[in-house]
Amino acid sequence: MKRLWLTGYRSYELGVFGDSDEKLKVIKYSLKKQLNNYLDDGLEWLITGGQMGIEQWGIQVAQELKIDYPELKVAMMLPFSDFGQQWNEQNQGTLMTLKAQVDFCEPVIKAPYSGPQQLRQYQQFMLTHTDGALLYYDREAPGKPEYDAKAIETYQEQHEYPNNQVDFFELQDLANELAELENQAF
């Protein structure tokens, strides 16, 4: 797989409201493990959006992984041209910083937000420009990623498109693993 679509929960859906939240440490640990596996299998492009949460954290982790995988490229594909403009100043600043760090950043729709059809067009773009998805989503906890999960499932009916879903059970296992590793360090 050369091009991976990364998406999932927004930060508020996971109850993560700051960089020092313990849950964020587990999520980034998970992202690093997942991306390392893809990189070892030949991943060239991580393609994601700019949503607060899994997408932005994935970009941050990918930037760290570039030290060991300098060939990795990161693209931030925004759904529409005025994406993030309604956010507060701090969140807009984080988005601007990430835009400057990635290898490629463009809106899929080169117009301001005008309705949900743009989000469906965005999903279609992501599906047709990637070889598979890494989706942080648990069917027992619906949220925004449910729309992407459904779009992926519909796309899979006619296309070969691997979808690796990370659910809360897997994150709990990784939280336990990380706690063990941290305890061994002492």
Protein backbone atom coordinates (compact mmCIF):
# COMPACT_ATOMS: atom_id res chain seq x y z
CA MET A 1 0.00 0.00 0.00
CA LYS A 2 1.56 3.25 -1.16
CA ARG A 3 -1.14 5.78 -0.22
CA LEU A 4 -3.03 5.54 3.10
CA TRP A 5 -6.10 7.54 4.12
CA LEU A 6 -5.99 8.22 7.86
CA THR A 7 -9.15 9.44 9.58
CA GLY A 8 -11.16 8.92 12.73
CA TYR A 9 -12.58 10.59 15.78
CA ARG A 10 -12.34 14.29 16.50
CA SER A 11 -10.56 15.26 19.70
CA TYR A 12 -13.79 16.24 21.48
CA GLU A 13 -15.36 12.86 20.61
CA LEU A 14 -12.50 11.18 22.45
CA GLY A 15 -12.61 13.63 25.36
CA VAL A 16 -9.07 14.82 24.66
CA PHE A 17 -8.81 18.54 25.35
CA GLY A 18 -5.09 19.14 25.72
CA ASP A 19 -1.64 17.89 24.80
CA SER A 20 -1.03 16.56 28.31
CA ASP A 21 -4.06 14.24 28.34
CA GLU A 22 -3.03 10.63 29.08
CA LYS A 23 -5.43 9.38 26.37
CA LEU A 24 -3.45 11.32 23.78
CA LYS A 25 -0.27 9.47 24.75
CA VAL A 26 -2.03 6.15 24.04
CA ILE A 27 -3.51 7.39 20.76
CA LYS A 28 -0.16 8.65 19.50
CA TYR A 29 1.47 5.38 20.58
CA SER A 30 -1.15 3.53 18.54
CA LEU A 31 -0.68 5.81 15.53
CA LYS A 32 3.07 5.30 15.66
CA LYS A 33 2.74 1.51 15.80
CA GLN A 34 0.20 1.46 12.96
CA LEU A 35 2.18 3.82 10.72
CA ASN A 36 5.44 1.97 11.40
CA ASN A 37 3.79 -1.23 10.14
CA TYR A 38 2.59 0.50 6.97
CA LEU A 39 6.00 2.12 6.45
CA ASP A 40 7.75 -1.24 6.80
CA ASP A 41 5.38 -2.50 4.07
CA GLY A 42 6.23 0.34 1.66
CA LEU A 43 3.92 3.23 2.56
CA GLU A 44 4.92 6.37 0.65
CA TRP A 45 2.09 8.83 1.35
CA LEU A 46 -0.01 9.43 4.43
CA ILE A 47 -3.08 11.31 3.21
CA THR A 48 -5.40 12.84 5.74
CA GLY A 49 -7.54 15.87 6.43
CA GLY A 50 -7.03 18.62 8.93
CA GLN A 51 -9.67 17.75 11.50
CA MET A 52 -8.74 18.19 15.15
CA GLY A 53 -8.18 14.73 16.56
CA ILE A 54 -6.90 11.63 14.81
CA GLU A 55 -6.09 13.46 11.57
CA GLN A 56 -3.95 16.19 13.15
CA TRP A 57 -2.33 13.79 15.61
CA GLY A 58 -1.53 11.48 12.71
CA ILE A 59 0.28 14.31 10.94
CA GLN A 60 2.27 15.06 14.10
CA VAL A 61 3.27 11.42 14.50
CA ALA A 62 4.17 11.13 10.80
CA GLN A 63 6.41 14.19 11.08
CA GLU A 64 8.26 12.46 13.94
CA LEU A 65 8.55 9.24 11.93
CA LYS A 66 10.23 11.11 9.06
CA ILE A 67 13.44 10.98 11.11
CA ASP A 68 13.62 7.21 10.51
CA TYR A 69 11.58 7.21 7.28
CA PRO A 70 12.68 10.33 5.36
CA GLU A 71 10.94 9.03 2.23
CA LEU A 72 7.52 9.36 3.89
CA LYS A 73 5.36 12.13 2.44
CA VAL A 74 2.34 13.64 4.18
CA ALA A 75 -0.59 15.28 2.40
CA MET A 76 -3.27 17.30 4.16
CA MET A 77 -6.33 17.35 1.94
CA LEU A 78 -8.87 19.81 3.28
CA PRO A 79 -12.53 19.27 2.37
CA PHE A 80 -13.15 22.89 1.25
CA SER A 81 -11.27 26.18 0.95
CA ASP A 82 -12.40 27.87 4.18
CA PHE A 83 -11.85 24.79 6.33
CA GLY A 84 -11.09 25.66 9.97
CA GLN A 85 -11.98 29.36 9.72
CA GLN A 86 -14.74 29.00 12.32
CA TRP A 87 -12.30 27.54 14.88
CA ASN A 88 -10.85 29.51 17.77
CA GLU A 89 -7.49 31.24 17.34
CA GLN A 90 -5.44 28.49 19.00
CA ASN A 91 -6.95 25.72 16.86
CA GLN A 92 -6.51 27.82 13.71
CA GLY A 93 -2.87 28.32 14.70
CA THR A 94 -2.34 24.58 15.07
CA LEU A 95 -3.91 24.00 11.65
CA MET A 96 -1.66 26.65 10.06
CA THR A 97 1.44 25.10 11.66
CA LEU A 98 0.54 21.65 10.35
CA LYS A 99 -0.22 23.04 6.87
CA ALA A 100 3.30 24.48 6.80
CA GLN A 101 4.87 21.16 7.88
CA VAL A 102 3.24 18.75 5.42
CA ASP A 103 4.59 17.97 1.98
CA PHE A 104 1.35 18.86 0.21
CA CYS A 105 -1.78 20.75 1.30
CA GLU A 106 -4.76 21.70 -0.84
CA PRO A 107 -8.54 21.82 -0.49
CA VAL A 108 -10.38 19.12 -2.42
CA ILE A 109 -13.18 21.59 -3.17
CA LYS A 110 -11.76 24.99 -4.09
CA ALA A 111 -14.78 26.85 -2.74
CA PRO A 112 -16.12 27.77 0.72
CA TYR A 113 -18.34 25.29 2.54
CA SER A 114 -21.80 25.17 0.98
CA GLY A 115 -23.31 21.92 2.21
CA PRO A 116 -22.90 18.23 3.06
CA GLN A 117 -22.51 17.23 -0.60
CA GLN A 118 -18.97 18.66 -0.38
CA LEU A 119 -18.15 16.22 2.42
CA ARG A 120 -19.38 13.32 0.26
CA GLN A 121 -17.23 14.61 -2.61
CA TYR A 122 -14.31 14.79 -0.20
CA GLN A 123 -14.85 11.16 0.87
CA GLN A 124 -15.04 10.06 -2.76
CA PHE A 125 -11.80 11.91 -3.50
CA MET A 126 -10.04 10.27 -0.56
CA LEU A 127 -11.27 6.81 -1.55
CA THR A 128 -10.17 7.14 -5.17
CA HIS A 129 -6.78 8.68 -4.35
CA THR A 130 -5.67 6.17 -1.70
CA ASP A 131 -5.01 2.42 -1.62
CA GLY A 132 -6.64 1.78 1.76
CA ALA A 133 -7.69 3.36 5.03
CA LEU A 134 -6.67 3.44 8.67
CA LEU A 135 -9.85 4.38 10.49
CA TYR A 136 -10.03 5.06 14.23
CA TYR A 137 -13.63 4.09 14.84
CA ASP A 138 -15.63 1.87 17.14
CA ARG A 139 -19.12 0.80 16.04
CA GLU A 140 -20.22 0.89 19.69
CA ALA A 141 -19.40 4.61 19.90
CA PRO A 142 -20.82 6.35 16.85
CA GLY A 143 -19.53 9.77 15.91
CA LYS A 144 -18.23 11.64 12.89
CA PRO A 145 -16.11 8.68 11.66
CA GLU A 146 -19.30 6.69 11.15
CA TYR A 147 -19.83 8.61 7.88
CA ASP A 148 -16.37 7.64 6.64
CA ALA A 149 -16.89 4.02 7.74
CA LYS A 150 -20.11 3.84 5.72
CA ALA A 151 -18.49 5.48 2.69
CA ILE A 152 -15.62 2.97 2.87
CA GLU A 153 -18.01 0.01 3.18
CA THR A 154 -20.01 1.20 0.16
CA TYR A 155 -16.80 1.70 -1.84
CA GLN A 156 -15.60 -1.79 -0.86
CA GLU A 157 -18.68 -3.31 -2.50
CA GLN A 158 -17.12 -2.59 -5.91
CA HIS A 159 -13.42 -2.05 -5.17
CA GLU A 160 -10.58 -3.83 -3.42
CA TYR A 161 -9.94 -1.39 -0.57
CA PRO A 162 -8.42 -2.55 2.72
CA ASN A 163 -9.75 -0.81 5.83
CA ASN A 164 -7.91 -1.24 9.12
CA GLN A 165 -10.20 -0.11 11.94
CA VAL A 166 -8.80 0.65 15.37
CA ASP A 167 -11.50 0.38 18.03
CA PHE A 168 -11.59 1.13 21.76
CA PHE A 169 -10.71 -2.47 22.68
CA GLU A 170 -7.48 -2.20 20.70
CA LEU A 171 -6.73 1.18 22.24
CA GLN A 172 -7.28 -0.28 25.72
CA ASP A 173 -4.86 -3.12 24.92
CA LEU A 174 -2.31 -0.54 23.77
CA ALA A 175 -2.88 1.52 26.92
CA ASN A 176 -2.04 -1.58 28.97
CA GLU A 177 1.01 -2.30 26.79
CA LEU A 178 2.24 1.28 27.13
CA ALA A 179 1.74 1.20 30.92
CA GLU A 180 3.80 -1.99 31.12
CA LEU A 181 6.58 -0.45 29.04
CA GLU A 182 6.60 2.66 31.22
CA ASN A 183 6.70 0.54 34.40
CA GLN A 184 9.67 -1.46 33.03
CA ALA A 185 11.52 1.81 32.45
CA PHE A 186 11.57 2.50 36.20
